[in-house]
Amino acid sequence: MPVTATVTESISFRSIAQPRGVQVTPADVDRGYVVVPAATRLEVANARCVLEFRITQPFVRAATVTTPFGATRFGSREIAQQITRAGQRNAIDVSYRLELTRDVTPGIYPWPVMLTVNPF
């Protein structure tokens, strides 16, 4: 009696660090952007996956995300994607360069980038 099985890939991930907000200083406003190094740290296990980044706050007009897999720039109406390597465990640090809109004033704002992890 033949037996068949279908094994679906699964992803295991956990967020180790994720900021709740970002501080915009007068120097950031003058420069037009904020750099937040290694702001997000996550661990992905078991499979390749797609990291999707989306801007969720109106004070950011564009962003560049940098991971071990490269750097990707995207606008406020776009979704950026990066594909991770296959492997048992990948610790991933994500750095951000947040380009500010012209009307931003110094202050503390909600974290402006949403990260979603999907199977590849």
PDB file of N, CA and C in Angstrom:
ATOM      1  N   MET A   1       0.843  -1.166   0.000  1.00  0.00           N
ATOM      2  CA  MET A   1       0.000   0.000   0.000  1.00  0.00           C
ATOM      3  C   MET A   1       0.896   1.241   0.000  1.00  0.00           C
ATOM      4  N   PRO A   2       0.908   2.012  -1.096  1.00  0.00           N
ATOM      5  CA  PRO A   2       1.750   3.206  -1.156  1.00  0.00           C
ATOM      6  C   PRO A   2       1.195   4.322  -0.260  1.00  0.00           C
ATOM      7  N   VAL A   3       2.128   5.074   0.301  1.00  0.00           N
ATOM      8  CA  VAL A   3       1.769   6.209   1.153  1.00  0.00           C
ATOM      9  C   VAL A   3       2.463   7.453   0.605  1.00  0.00           C
ATOM     10  N   THR A   4       1.741   8.530   0.529  1.00  0.00           N
ATOM     11  CA  THR A   4       2.351   9.791   0.100  1.00  0.00           C
ATOM     12  C   THR A   4       2.138  10.819   1.205  1.00  0.00           C
ATOM     13  N   ALA A   5       3.070  11.753   1.246  1.00  0.00           N
ATOM     14  CA  ALA A   5       2.979  12.829   2.222  1.00  0.00           C
ATOM     15  C   ALA A   5       3.426  14.123   1.574  1.00  0.00           C
ATOM     16  N   THR A   6       2.784  15.169   1.938  1.00  0.00           N
ATOM     17  CA  THR A   6       3.189  16.498   1.483  1.00  0.00           C
ATOM     18  C   THR A   6       3.687  17.264   2.693  1.00  0.00           C
ATOM     19  N   VAL A   7       4.913  17.727   2.582  1.00  0.00           N
ATOM     20  CA  VAL A   7       5.506  18.498   3.661  1.00  0.00           C
ATOM     21  C   VAL A   7       5.581  19.950   3.212  1.00  0.00           C
ATOM     22  N   THR A   8       4.944  20.799   3.950  1.00  0.00           N
ATOM     23  CA  THR A   8       4.990  22.215   3.594  1.00  0.00           C
ATOM     24  C   THR A   8       6.103  22.895   4.377  1.00  0.00           C
ATOM     25  N   GLU A   9       6.724  23.859   3.740  1.00  0.00           N
ATOM     26  CA  GLU A   9       7.770  24.614   4.422  1.00  0.00           C
ATOM     27  C   GLU A   9       7.144  25.489   5.491  1.00  0.00           C
ATOM     28  N   SER A  10       7.869  25.645   6.553  1.00  0.00           N
ATOM     29  CA  SER A  10       7.395  26.537   7.594  1.00  0.00           C
ATOM     30  C   SER A  10       8.526  27.484   7.971  1.00  0.00           C
ATOM     31  N   ILE A  11       8.132  28.596   8.515  1.00  0.00           N
ATOM     32  CA  ILE A  11       9.095  29.592   8.958  1.00  0.00           C
ATOM     33  C   ILE A  11       8.887  29.785  10.450  1.00  0.00           C
ATOM     34  N   SER A  12       9.967  29.865  11.123  1.00  0.00           N
ATOM     35  CA  SER A  12       9.918  30.236  12.526  1.00  0.00           C
ATOM     36  C   SER A  12      10.686  31.539  12.652  1.00  0.00           C
ATOM     37  N   PHE A  13      10.057  32.548  13.220  1.00  0.00           N
ATOM     38  CA  PHE A  13      10.795  33.792  13.408  1.00  0.00           C
ATOM     39  C   PHE A  13      10.362  34.438  14.709  1.00  0.00           C
ATOM     40  N   ARG A  14      11.292  35.175  15.265  1.00  0.00           N
ATOM     41  CA  ARG A  14      10.954  35.940  16.461  1.00  0.00           C
ATOM     42  C   ARG A  14      11.650  37.288  16.388  1.00  0.00           C
ATOM     43  N   SER A  15      10.949  38.257  16.891  1.00  0.00           N
ATOM     44  CA  SER A  15      11.487  39.608  16.950  1.00  0.00           C
ATOM     45  C   SER A  15      12.274  39.736  18.247  1.00  0.00           C
ATOM     46  N   ILE A  16      13.548  40.073  18.126  1.00  0.00           N
ATOM     47  CA  ILE A  16      14.412  40.233  19.287  1.00  0.00           C
ATOM     48  C   ILE A  16      14.421  41.696  19.733  1.00  0.00           C
ATOM     49  N   ALA A  17      14.402  42.600  18.777  1.00  0.00           N
ATOM     50  CA  ALA A  17      14.381  44.035  19.089  1.00  0.00           C
ATOM     51  C   ALA A  17      13.605  44.765  18.001  1.00  0.00           C
ATOM     52  N   GLN A  18      12.743  45.658  18.418  1.00  0.00           N
ATOM     53  CA  GLN A  18      11.977  46.489  17.486  1.00  0.00           C
ATOM     54  C   GLN A  18      11.626  47.785  18.201  1.00  0.00           C
ATOM     55  N   PRO A  19      12.035  48.929  17.665  1.00  0.00           N
ATOM     56  CA  PRO A  19      11.717  50.193  18.339  1.00  0.00           C
ATOM     57  C   PRO A  19      10.226  50.509  18.290  1.00  0.00           C
ATOM     58  N   ARG A  20       9.774  51.227  19.279  1.00  0.00           N
ATOM     59  CA  ARG A  20       8.378  51.683  19.304  1.00  0.00           C
ATOM     60  C   ARG A  20       8.224  53.047  18.674  1.00  0.00           C
ATOM     61  N   GLY A  21       9.330  53.778  18.635  1.00  0.00           N
ATOM     62  CA  GLY A  21       9.272  55.121  18.082  1.00  0.00           C
ATOM     63  C   GLY A  21      10.636  55.560  17.591  1.00  0.00           C
ATOM     64  N   VAL A  22      10.668  56.743  17.025  1.00  0.00           N
ATOM     65  CA  VAL A  22      11.911  57.319  16.533  1.00  0.00           C
ATOM     66  C   VAL A  22      11.948  58.790  16.929  1.00  0.00           C
ATOM     67  N   GLN A  23      13.104  59.225  17.391  1.00  0.00           N
ATOM     68  CA  GLN A  23      13.267  60.627  17.751  1.00  0.00           C
ATOM     69  C   GLN A  23      13.860  61.376  16.570  1.00  0.00           C
ATOM     70  N   VAL A  24      13.203  62.469  16.205  1.00  0.00           N
ATOM     71  CA  VAL A  24      13.672  63.343  15.143  1.00  0.00           C
ATOM     72  C   VAL A  24      14.228  64.603  15.800  1.00  0.00           C
ATOM     73  N   THR A  25      15.506  64.853  15.573  1.00  0.00           N
ATOM     74  CA  THR A  25      16.169  66.014  16.169  1.00  0.00           C
ATOM     75  C   THR A  25      16.159  67.191  15.192  1.00  0.00           C
ATOM     76  N   PRO A  26      16.478  68.398  15.669  1.00  0.00           N
ATOM     77  CA  PRO A  26      16.607  69.529  14.733  1.00  0.00           C
ATOM     78  C   PRO A  26      17.654  69.261  13.642  1.00  0.00           C
ATOM     79  N   ALA A  27      18.748  68.597  13.988  1.00  0.00           N
ATOM     80  CA  ALA A  27      19.767  68.261  12.978  1.00  0.00           C
ATOM     81  C   ALA A  27      19.211  67.306  11.929  1.00  0.00           C
ATOM     82  N   ASP A  28      18.362  66.348  12.349  1.00  0.00           N
ATOM     83  CA  ASP A  28      17.720  65.427  11.402  1.00  0.00           C
ATOM     84  C   ASP A  28      16.818  66.189  10.441  1.00  0.00           C
ATOM     85  N   VAL A  29      16.056  67.142  10.981  1.00  0.00           N
ATOM     86  CA  VAL A  29      15.157  67.946  10.139  1.00  0.00           C
ATOM     87  C   VAL A  29      15.973  68.736   9.126  1.00  0.00           C
ATOM     88  N   ASP A  30      17.069  69.359   9.550  1.00  0.00           N
ATOM     89  CA  ASP A  30      17.935  70.118   8.635  1.00  0.00           C
ATOM     90  C   ASP A  30      18.524  69.222   7.556  1.00  0.00           C
ATOM     91  N   ARG A  31      18.918  68.020   7.946  1.00  0.00           N
ATOM     92  CA  ARG A  31      19.542  67.063   7.024  1.00  0.00           C
ATOM     93  C   ARG A  31      18.501  66.425   6.096  1.00  0.00           C
ATOM     94  N   GLY A  32      17.283  66.277   6.603  1.00  0.00           N
ATOM     95  CA  GLY A  32      16.212  65.682   5.805  1.00  0.00           C
ATOM     96  C   GLY A  32      16.040  64.184   6.005  1.00  0.00           C
ATOM     97  N   TYR A  33      16.782  63.600   6.917  1.00  0.00           N
ATOM     98  CA  TYR A  33      16.640  62.163   7.164  1.00  0.00           C
ATOM     99  C   TYR A  33      17.158  61.803   8.549  1.00  0.00           C
ATOM    100  N   VAL A  34      16.749  60.623   9.004  1.00  0.00           N
ATOM    101  CA  VAL A  34      17.191  60.056  10.279  1.00  0.00           C
ATOM    102  C   VAL A  34      17.812  58.700   9.969  1.00  0.00           C
ATOM    103  N   VAL A  35      18.969  58.427  10.547  1.00  0.00           N
ATOM    104  CA  VAL A  35      19.601  57.110  10.417  1.00  0.00           C
ATOM    105  C   VAL A  35      19.406  56.368  11.733  1.00  0.00           C
ATOM    106  N   VAL A  36      18.874  55.149  11.638  1.00  0.00           N
ATOM    107  CA  VAL A  36      18.647  54.327  12.827  1.00  0.00           C
ATOM    108  C   VAL A  36      19.353  52.992  12.599  1.00  0.00           C
ATOM    109  N   PRO A  37      20.603  52.878  13.079  1.00  0.00           N
ATOM    110  CA  PRO A  37      21.363  51.645  12.840  1.00  0.00           C
ATOM    111  C   PRO A  37      20.872  50.493  13.711  1.00  0.00           C
ATOM    112  N   ALA A  38      20.827  49.307  13.109  1.00  0.00           N
ATOM    113  CA  ALA A  38      20.457  48.063  13.808  1.00  0.00           C
ATOM    114  C   ALA A  38      19.230  48.247  14.704  1.00  0.00           C
ATOM    115  N   ALA A  39      18.201  48.885  14.179  1.00  0.00           N
ATOM    116  CA  ALA A  39      16.993  49.161  14.960  1.00  0.00           C
ATOM    117  C   ALA A  39      16.158  47.906  15.180  1.00  0.00           C
ATOM    118  N   THR A  40      16.103  47.066  14.178  1.00  0.00           N
ATOM    119  CA  THR A  40      15.325  45.834  14.265  1.00  0.00           C
ATOM    120  C   THR A  40      16.279  44.651  14.253  1.00  0.00           C
ATOM    121  N   ARG A  41      16.018  43.692  15.121  1.00  0.00           N
ATOM    122  CA  ARG A  41      16.777  42.442  15.111  1.00  0.00           C
ATOM    123  C   ARG A  41      15.761  41.309  15.195  1.00  0.00           C
ATOM    124  N   LEU A  42      15.864  40.387  14.238  1.00  0.00           N
ATOM    125  CA  LEU A  42      14.985  39.244  14.266  1.00  0.00           C
ATOM    126  C   LEU A  42      15.749  37.978  13.945  1.00  0.00           C
ATOM    127  N   GLU A  43      15.155  36.874  14.281  1.00  0.00           N
ATOM    128  CA  GLU A  43      15.769  35.583  14.030  1.00  0.00           C
ATOM    129  C   GLU A  43      14.795  34.772  13.193  1.00  0.00           C
ATOM    130  N   VAL A  44      15.280  34.263  12.071  1.00  0.00           N
ATOM    131  CA  VAL A  44      14.457  33.467  11.170  1.00  0.00           C
ATOM    132  C   VAL A  44      15.086  32.087  11.079  1.00  0.00           C
ATOM    133  N   ALA A  45      14.256  31.053  11.149  1.00  0.00           N
ATOM    134  CA  ALA A  45      14.770  29.690  11.090  1.00  0.00           C
ATOM    135  C   ALA A  45      13.967  28.866  10.085  1.00  0.00           C
ATOM    136  N   ASN A  46      14.613  27.861   9.560  1.00  0.00           N
ATOM    137  CA  ASN A  46      14.009  26.777   8.780  1.00  0.00           C
ATOM    138  C   ASN A  46      13.888  26.988   7.277  1.00  0.00           C
ATOM    139  N   ALA A  47      13.771  28.177   6.795  1.00  0.00           N
ATOM    140  CA  ALA A  47      13.517  28.321   5.359  1.00  0.00           C
ATOM    141  C   ALA A  47      13.907  29.703   4.872  1.00  0.00           C
ATOM    142  N   ARG A  48      14.002  29.804   3.535  1.00  0.00           N
ATOM    143  CA  ARG A  48      14.132  31.137   2.951  1.00  0.00           C
ATOM    144  C   ARG A  48      12.809  31.845   3.115  1.00  0.00           C
ATOM    145  N   CYS A  49      12.881  33.139   3.252  1.00  0.00           N
ATOM    146  CA  CYS A  49      11.651  33.903   3.377  1.00  0.00           C
ATOM    147  C   CYS A  49      11.832  35.275   2.744  1.00  0.00           C
ATOM    148  N   VAL A  50      10.732  35.948   2.601  1.00  0.00           N
ATOM    149  CA  VAL A  50      10.723  37.300   2.047  1.00  0.00           C
ATOM    150  C   VAL A  50      10.438  38.267   3.185  1.00  0.00           C
ATOM    151  N   LEU A  51      11.315  39.236   3.338  1.00  0.00           N
ATOM    152  CA  LEU A  51      11.079  40.324   4.283  1.00  0.00           C
ATOM    153  C   LEU A  51      10.407  41.449   3.507  1.00  0.00           C
ATOM    154  N   GLU A  52       9.249  41.881   3.948  1.00  0.00           N
ATOM    155  CA  GLU A  52       8.544  42.974   3.291  1.00  0.00           C
ATOM    156  C   GLU A  52       8.497  44.172   4.228  1.00  0.00           C
ATOM    157  N   PHE A  53       8.849  45.326   3.696  1.00  0.00           N
ATOM    158  CA  PHE A  53       8.882  46.565   4.463  1.00  0.00           C
ATOM    159  C   PHE A  53       7.896  47.548   3.857  1.00  0.00           C
ATOM    160  N   ARG A  54       7.141  48.233   4.718  1.00  0.00           N
ATOM    161  CA  ARG A  54       6.150  49.214   4.254  1.00  0.00           C
ATOM    162  C   ARG A  54       6.160  50.405   5.207  1.00  0.00           C
ATOM    163  N   ILE A  55       6.145  51.614   4.654  1.00  0.00           N
ATOM    164  CA  ILE A  55       6.074  52.837   5.465  1.00  0.00           C
ATOM    165  C   ILE A  55       4.636  53.019   5.933  1.00  0.00           C
ATOM    166  N   THR A  56       4.474  53.273   7.232  1.00  0.00           N
ATOM    167  CA  THR A  56       3.134  53.376   7.802  1.00  0.00           C
ATOM    168  C   THR A  56       2.826  54.746   8.417  1.00  0.00           C
ATOM    169  N   GLN A  57       3.802  55.640   8.417  1.00  0.00           N
ATOM    170  CA  GLN A  57       3.591  56.955   9.033  1.00  0.00           C
ATOM    171  C   GLN A  57       3.831  58.058   8.004  1.00  0.00           C
ATOM    172  N   PRO A  58       3.008  59.107   8.021  1.00  0.00           N
ATOM    173  CA  PRO A  58       3.102  60.144   6.991  1.00  0.00           C
ATOM    174  C   PRO A  58       4.316  61.069   7.087  1.00  0.00           C
ATOM    175  N   PHE A  59       5.079  61.035   8.173  1.00  0.00           N
ATOM    176  CA  PHE A  59       6.240  61.919   8.280  1.00  0.00           C
ATOM    177  C   PHE A  59       7.454  61.375   7.520  1.00  0.00           C
ATOM    178  N   VAL A  60       7.362  60.157   6.999  1.00  0.00           N
ATOM    179  CA  VAL A  60       8.450  59.540   6.219  1.00  0.00           C
ATOM    180  C   VAL A  60       8.004  59.451   4.771  1.00  0.00           C
ATOM    181  N   ARG A  61       8.810  60.036   3.860  1.00  0.00           N
ATOM    182  CA  ARG A  61       8.458  60.000   2.436  1.00  0.00           C
ATOM    183  C   ARG A  61       9.128  58.850   1.701  1.00  0.00           C
ATOM    184  N   ALA A  62      10.249  58.356   2.246  1.00  0.00           N
ATOM    185  CA  ALA A  62      10.965  57.222   1.652  1.00  0.00           C
ATOM    186  C   ALA A  62      11.879  56.644   2.728  1.00  0.00           C
ATOM    187  N   ALA A  63      12.314  55.411   2.499  1.00  0.00           N
ATOM    188  CA  ALA A  63      13.212  54.772   3.459  1.00  0.00           C
ATOM    189  C   ALA A  63      14.165  53.853   2.718  1.00  0.00           C
ATOM    190  N   THR A  64      15.328  53.660   3.309  1.00  0.00           N
ATOM    191  CA  THR A  64      16.269  52.654   2.834  1.00  0.00           C
ATOM    192  C   THR A  64      16.473  51.681   3.990  1.00  0.00           C
ATOM    193  N   VAL A  65      16.229  50.407   3.724  1.00  0.00           N
ATOM    194  CA  VAL A  65      16.484  49.379   4.735  1.00  0.00           C
ATOM    195  C   VAL A  65      17.735  48.625   4.318  1.00  0.00           C
ATOM    196  N   THR A  66      18.582  48.346   5.296  1.00  0.00           N
ATOM    197  CA  THR A  66      19.816  47.617   5.037  1.00  0.00           C
ATOM    198  C   THR A  66      19.849  46.403   5.943  1.00  0.00           C
ATOM    199  N   THR A  67      20.039  45.231   5.324  1.00  0.00           N
ATOM    200  CA  THR A  67      20.135  43.952   6.029  1.00  0.00           C
ATOM    201  C   THR A  67      21.396  43.251   5.531  1.00  0.00           C
ATOM    202  N   PRO A  68      21.716  42.079   6.068  1.00  0.00           N
ATOM    203  CA  PRO A  68      22.847  41.332   5.507  1.00  0.00           C
ATOM    204  C   PRO A  68      22.649  40.929   4.047  1.00  0.00           C
ATOM    205  N   PHE A  69      21.430  41.064   3.535  1.00  0.00           N
ATOM    206  CA  PHE A  69      21.117  40.652   2.169  1.00  0.00           C
ATOM    207  C   PHE A  69      21.139  41.815   1.182  1.00  0.00           C
ATOM    208  N   GLY A  70      21.432  43.021   1.659  1.00  0.00           N
ATOM    209  CA  GLY A  70      21.529  44.171   0.774  1.00  0.00           C
ATOM    210  C   GLY A  70      20.769  45.375   1.305  1.00  0.00           C
ATOM    211  N   ALA A  71      20.743  46.420   0.487  1.00  0.00           N
ATOM    212  CA  ALA A  71      20.033  47.652   0.836  1.00  0.00           C
ATOM    213  C   ALA A  71      18.951  47.898  -0.216  1.00  0.00           C
ATOM    214  N   THR A  72      17.785  48.340   0.252  1.00  0.00           N
ATOM    215  CA  THR A  72      16.661  48.595  -0.652  1.00  0.00           C
ATOM    216  C   THR A  72      16.014  49.912  -0.264  1.00  0.00           C
ATOM    217  N   ARG A  73      15.826  50.783  -1.262  1.00  0.00           N
ATOM    218  CA  ARG A  73      15.146  52.062  -1.037  1.00  0.00           C
ATOM    219  C   ARG A  73      13.738  51.964  -1.606  1.00  0.00           C
ATOM    220  N   PHE A  74      12.774  52.524  -0.883  1.00  0.00           N
ATOM    221  CA  PHE A  74      11.392  52.475  -1.344  1.00  0.00           C
ATOM    222  C   PHE A  74      10.647  53.705  -0.845  1.00  0.00           C
ATOM    223  N   GLY A  75       9.598  54.064  -1.569  1.00  0.00           N
ATOM    224  CA  GLY A  75       8.801  55.239  -1.240  1.00  0.00           C
ATOM    225  C   GLY A  75       7.618  54.899  -0.356  1.00  0.00           C
ATOM    226  N   SER A  76       6.876  55.921   0.013  1.00  0.00           N
ATOM    227  CA  SER A  76       5.783  55.758   0.961  1.00  0.00           C
ATOM    228  C   SER A  76       4.615  54.939   0.418  1.00  0.00           C
ATOM    229  N   ARG A  77       4.545  54.751  -0.880  1.00  0.00           N
ATOM    230  CA  ARG A  77       3.451  53.963  -1.466  1.00  0.00           C
ATOM    231  C   ARG A  77       3.939  52.656  -2.072  1.00  0.00           C
ATOM    232  N   GLU A  78       5.137  52.261  -1.689  1.00  0.00           N
ATOM    233  CA  GLU A  78       5.731  51.045  -2.238  1.00  0.00           C
ATOM    234  C   GLU A  78       5.998  50.046  -1.113  1.00  0.00           C
ATOM    235  N   ILE A  79       6.234  48.811  -1.527  1.00  0.00           N
ATOM    236  CA  ILE A  79       6.647  47.765  -0.596  1.00  0.00           C
ATOM    237  C   ILE A  79       8.025  47.297  -1.036  1.00  0.00           C
ATOM    238  N   ALA A  80       8.963  47.259  -0.118  1.00  0.00           N
ATOM    239  CA  ALA A  80      10.305  46.756  -0.421  1.00  0.00           C
ATOM    240  C   ALA A  80      10.372  45.297   0.000  1.00  0.00           C
ATOM    241  N   GLN A  81      11.066  44.481  -0.793  1.00  0.00           N
ATOM    242  CA  GLN A  81      11.211  43.071  -0.468  1.00  0.00           C
ATOM    243  C   GLN A  81      12.667  42.655  -0.520  1.00  0.00           C
ATOM    244  N   GLN A  82      13.056  41.803   0.426  1.00  0.00           N
ATOM    245  CA  GLN A  82      14.378  41.185   0.421  1.00  0.00           C
ATOM    246  C   GLN A  82      14.199  39.715   0.751  1.00  0.00           C
ATOM    247  N   ILE A  83      14.976  38.862   0.087  1.00  0.00           N
ATOM    248  CA  ILE A  83      14.889  37.415   0.300  1.00  0.00           C
ATOM    249  C   ILE A  83      16.060  36.978   1.159  1.00  0.00           C
ATOM    250  N   THR A  84      15.759  36.226   2.203  1.00  0.00           N
ATOM    251  CA  THR A  84      16.808  35.737   3.093  1.00  0.00           C
ATOM    252  C   THR A  84      17.446  34.482   2.511  1.00  0.00           C
ATOM    253  N   ARG A  85      18.559  34.076   3.087  1.00  0.00           N
ATOM    254  CA  ARG A  85      19.206  32.817   2.706  1.00  0.00           C
ATOM    255  C   ARG A  85      18.540  31.664   3.426  1.00  0.00           C
ATOM    256  N   ALA A  86      18.570  30.491   2.803  1.00  0.00           N
ATOM    257  CA  ALA A  86      18.077  29.296   3.472  1.00  0.00           C
ATOM    258  C   ALA A  86      19.072  28.893   4.547  1.00  0.00           C
ATOM    259  N   GLY A  87      18.585  28.311   5.592  1.00  0.00           N
ATOM    260  CA  GLY A  87      19.486  27.865   6.649  1.00  0.00           C
ATOM    261  C   GLY A  87      18.741  27.585   7.922  1.00  0.00           C
ATOM    262  N   GLN A  88      19.432  27.031   8.868  1.00  0.00           N
ATOM    263  CA  GLN A  88      18.810  26.706  10.133  1.00  0.00           C
ATOM    264  C   GLN A  88      18.407  27.958  10.898  1.00  0.00           C
ATOM    265  N   ARG A  89      19.317  28.907  11.014  1.00  0.00           N
ATOM    266  CA  ARG A  89      19.023  30.142  11.748  1.00  0.00           C
ATOM    267  C   ARG A  89      19.735  31.322  11.115  1.00  0.00           C
ATOM    268  N   ASN A  90      19.009  32.365  10.918  1.00  0.00           N
ATOM    269  CA  ASN A  90      19.579  33.626  10.451  1.00  0.00           C
ATOM    270  C   ASN A  90      19.232  34.705  11.457  1.00  0.00           C
ATOM    271  N   ALA A  91      20.235  35.300  12.074  1.00  0.00           N
ATOM    272  CA  ALA A  91      20.003  36.488  12.903  1.00  0.00           C
ATOM    273  C   ALA A  91      20.144  37.682  11.970  1.00  0.00           C
ATOM    274  N   ILE A  92      19.125  38.494  11.914  1.00  0.00           N
ATOM    275  CA  ILE A  92      19.080  39.578  10.934  1.00  0.00           C
ATOM    276  C   ILE A  92      18.949  40.914  11.655  1.00  0.00           C
ATOM    277  N   ASP A  93      19.929  41.785  11.433  1.00  0.00           N
ATOM    278  CA  ASP A  93      19.852  43.158  11.922  1.00  0.00           C
ATOM    279  C   ASP A  93      19.402  44.038  10.767  1.00  0.00           C
ATOM    280  N   VAL A  94      18.456  44.909  11.038  1.00  0.00           N
ATOM    281  CA  VAL A  94      17.940  45.815  10.009  1.00  0.00           C
ATOM    282  C   VAL A  94      18.232  47.253  10.445  1.00  0.00           C
ATOM    283  N   SER A  95      18.901  47.989   9.567  1.00  0.00           N
ATOM    284  CA  SER A  95      19.157  49.416   9.786  1.00  0.00           C
ATOM    285  C   SER A  95      18.278  50.215   8.834  1.00  0.00           C
ATOM    286  N   TYR A  96      17.966  51.430   9.226  1.00  0.00           N
ATOM    287  CA  TYR A  96      17.033  52.256   8.457  1.00  0.00           C
ATOM    288  C   TYR A  96      17.610  53.645   8.220  1.00  0.00           C
ATOM    289  N   ARG A  97      17.333  54.179   7.045  1.00  0.00           N
ATOM    290  CA  ARG A  97      17.553  55.598   6.738  1.00  0.00           C
ATOM    291  C   ARG A  97      16.179  56.119   6.356  1.00  0.00           C
ATOM    292  N   LEU A  98      15.609  56.944   7.202  1.00  0.00           N
ATOM    293  CA  LEU A  98      14.250  57.441   7.019  1.00  0.00           C
ATOM    294  C   LEU A  98      14.291  58.854   6.460  1.00  0.00           C
ATOM    295  N   GLU A  99      13.798  59.036   5.244  1.00  0.00           N
ATOM    296  CA  GLU A  99      13.763  60.344   4.604  1.00  0.00           C
ATOM    297  C   GLU A  99      12.483  61.065   5.026  1.00  0.00           C
ATOM    298  N   LEU A 100      12.656  62.238   5.584  1.00  0.00           N
ATOM    299  CA  LEU A 100      11.553  62.968   6.192  1.00  0.00           C
ATOM    300  C   LEU A 100      10.809  63.833   5.180  1.00  0.00           C
ATOM    301  N   THR A 101       9.524  64.034   5.443  1.00  0.00           N
ATOM    302  CA  THR A 101       8.761  64.983   4.630  1.00  0.00           C
ATOM    303  C   THR A 101       9.182  66.398   5.027  1.00  0.00           C
ATOM    304  N   ARG A 102       8.880  67.363   4.192  1.00  0.00           N
ATOM    305  CA  ARG A 102       9.338  68.741   4.416  1.00  0.00           C
ATOM    306  C   ARG A 102       8.719  69.405   5.646  1.00  0.00           C
ATOM    307  N   ASP A 103       7.538  68.948   6.051  1.00  0.00           N
ATOM    308  CA  ASP A 103       6.843  69.616   7.150  1.00  0.00           C
ATOM    309  C   ASP A 103       7.111  69.005   8.527  1.00  0.00           C
ATOM    310  N   VAL A 104       8.056  68.101   8.630  1.00  0.00           N
ATOM    311  CA  VAL A 104       8.348  67.446   9.910  1.00  0.00           C
ATOM    312  C   VAL A 104       9.028  68.417  10.864  1.00  0.00           C
ATOM    313  N   THR A 105       8.635  68.339  12.113  1.00  0.00           N
ATOM    314  CA  THR A 105       9.274  69.123  13.172  1.00  0.00           C
ATOM    315  C   THR A 105       9.950  68.154  14.140  1.00  0.00           C
ATOM    316  N   PRO A 106      10.925  68.624  14.895  1.00  0.00           N
ATOM    317  CA  PRO A 106      11.577  67.738  15.862  1.00  0.00           C
ATOM    318  C   PRO A 106      10.563  67.160  16.858  1.00  0.00           C
ATOM    319  N   GLY A 107      10.818  65.930  17.268  1.00  0.00           N
ATOM    320  CA  GLY A 107       9.927  65.289  18.238  1.00  0.00           C
ATOM    321  C   GLY A 107      10.089  63.780  18.196  1.00  0.00           C
ATOM    322  N   ILE A 108       9.260  63.105  18.960  1.00  0.00           N
ATOM    323  CA  ILE A 108       9.241  61.646  18.980  1.00  0.00           C
ATOM    324  C   ILE A 108       8.008  61.189  18.225  1.00  0.00           C
ATOM    325  N   TYR A 109       8.210  60.282  17.268  1.00  0.00           N
ATOM    326  CA  TYR A 109       7.146  59.802  16.396  1.00  0.00           C
ATOM    327  C   TYR A 109       7.011  58.289  16.529  1.00  0.00           C
ATOM    328  N   PRO A 110       5.827  57.742  16.204  1.00  0.00           N
ATOM    329  CA  PRO A 110       5.667  56.287  16.200  1.00  0.00           C
ATOM    330  C   PRO A 110       6.607  55.657  15.171  1.00  0.00           C
ATOM    331  N   TRP A 111       7.015  54.422  15.425  1.00  0.00           N
ATOM    332  CA  TRP A 111       7.906  53.745  14.476  1.00  0.00           C
ATOM    333  C   TRP A 111       7.221  53.675  13.120  1.00  0.00           C
ATOM    334  N   PRO A 112       7.896  54.104  12.035  1.00  0.00           N
ATOM    335  CA  PRO A 112       7.224  54.296  10.753  1.00  0.00           C
ATOM    336  C   PRO A 112       7.312  53.160   9.732  1.00  0.00           C
ATOM    337  N   VAL A 113       7.973  52.058  10.062  1.00  0.00           N
ATOM    338  CA  VAL A 113       8.146  50.999   9.065  1.00  0.00           C
ATOM    339  C   VAL A 113       7.605  49.683   9.628  1.00  0.00           C
ATOM    340  N   MET A 114       6.683  49.074   8.877  1.00  0.00           N
ATOM    341  CA  MET A 114       6.156  47.776   9.253  1.00  0.00           C
ATOM    342  C   MET A 114       6.957  46.694   8.527  1.00  0.00           C
ATOM    343  N   LEU A 115       7.302  45.653   9.230  1.00  0.00           N
ATOM    344  CA  LEU A 115       8.045  44.522   8.668  1.00  0.00           C
ATOM    345  C   LEU A 115       7.172  43.289   8.747  1.00  0.00           C
ATOM    346  N   THR A 116       7.030  42.589   7.603  1.00  0.00           N
ATOM    347  CA  THR A 116       6.290  41.337   7.530  1.00  0.00           C
ATOM    348  C   THR A 116       7.222  40.265   7.013  1.00  0.00           C
ATOM    349  N   VAL A 117       7.132  39.067   7.555  1.00  0.00           N
ATOM    350  CA  VAL A 117       7.955  37.937   7.127  1.00  0.00           C
ATOM    351  C   VAL A 117       7.025  36.910   6.484  1.00  0.00           C
ATOM    352  N   ASN A 118       7.312  36.537   5.223  1.00  0.00           N
ATOM    353  CA  ASN A 118       6.485  35.573   4.488  1.00  0.00           C
ATOM    354  C   ASN A 118       7.363  34.446   3.939  1.00  0.00           C
ATOM    355  N   PRO A 119       6.783  33.248   3.762  1.00  0.00           N
ATOM    356  CA  PRO A 119       7.546  32.161   3.130  1.00  0.00           C
ATOM    357  C   PRO A 119       7.874  32.507   1.684  1.00  0.00           C
ATOM    358  N   PHE A 120       8.981  31.960   1.198  1.00  0.00           N
ATOM    359  CA  PHE A 120       9.405  32.220  -0.185  1.00  0.00           C
ATOM    360  C   PHE A 120       9.139  30.994  -1.013  1.00  0.00           C
TER     361      PHE A 120
END
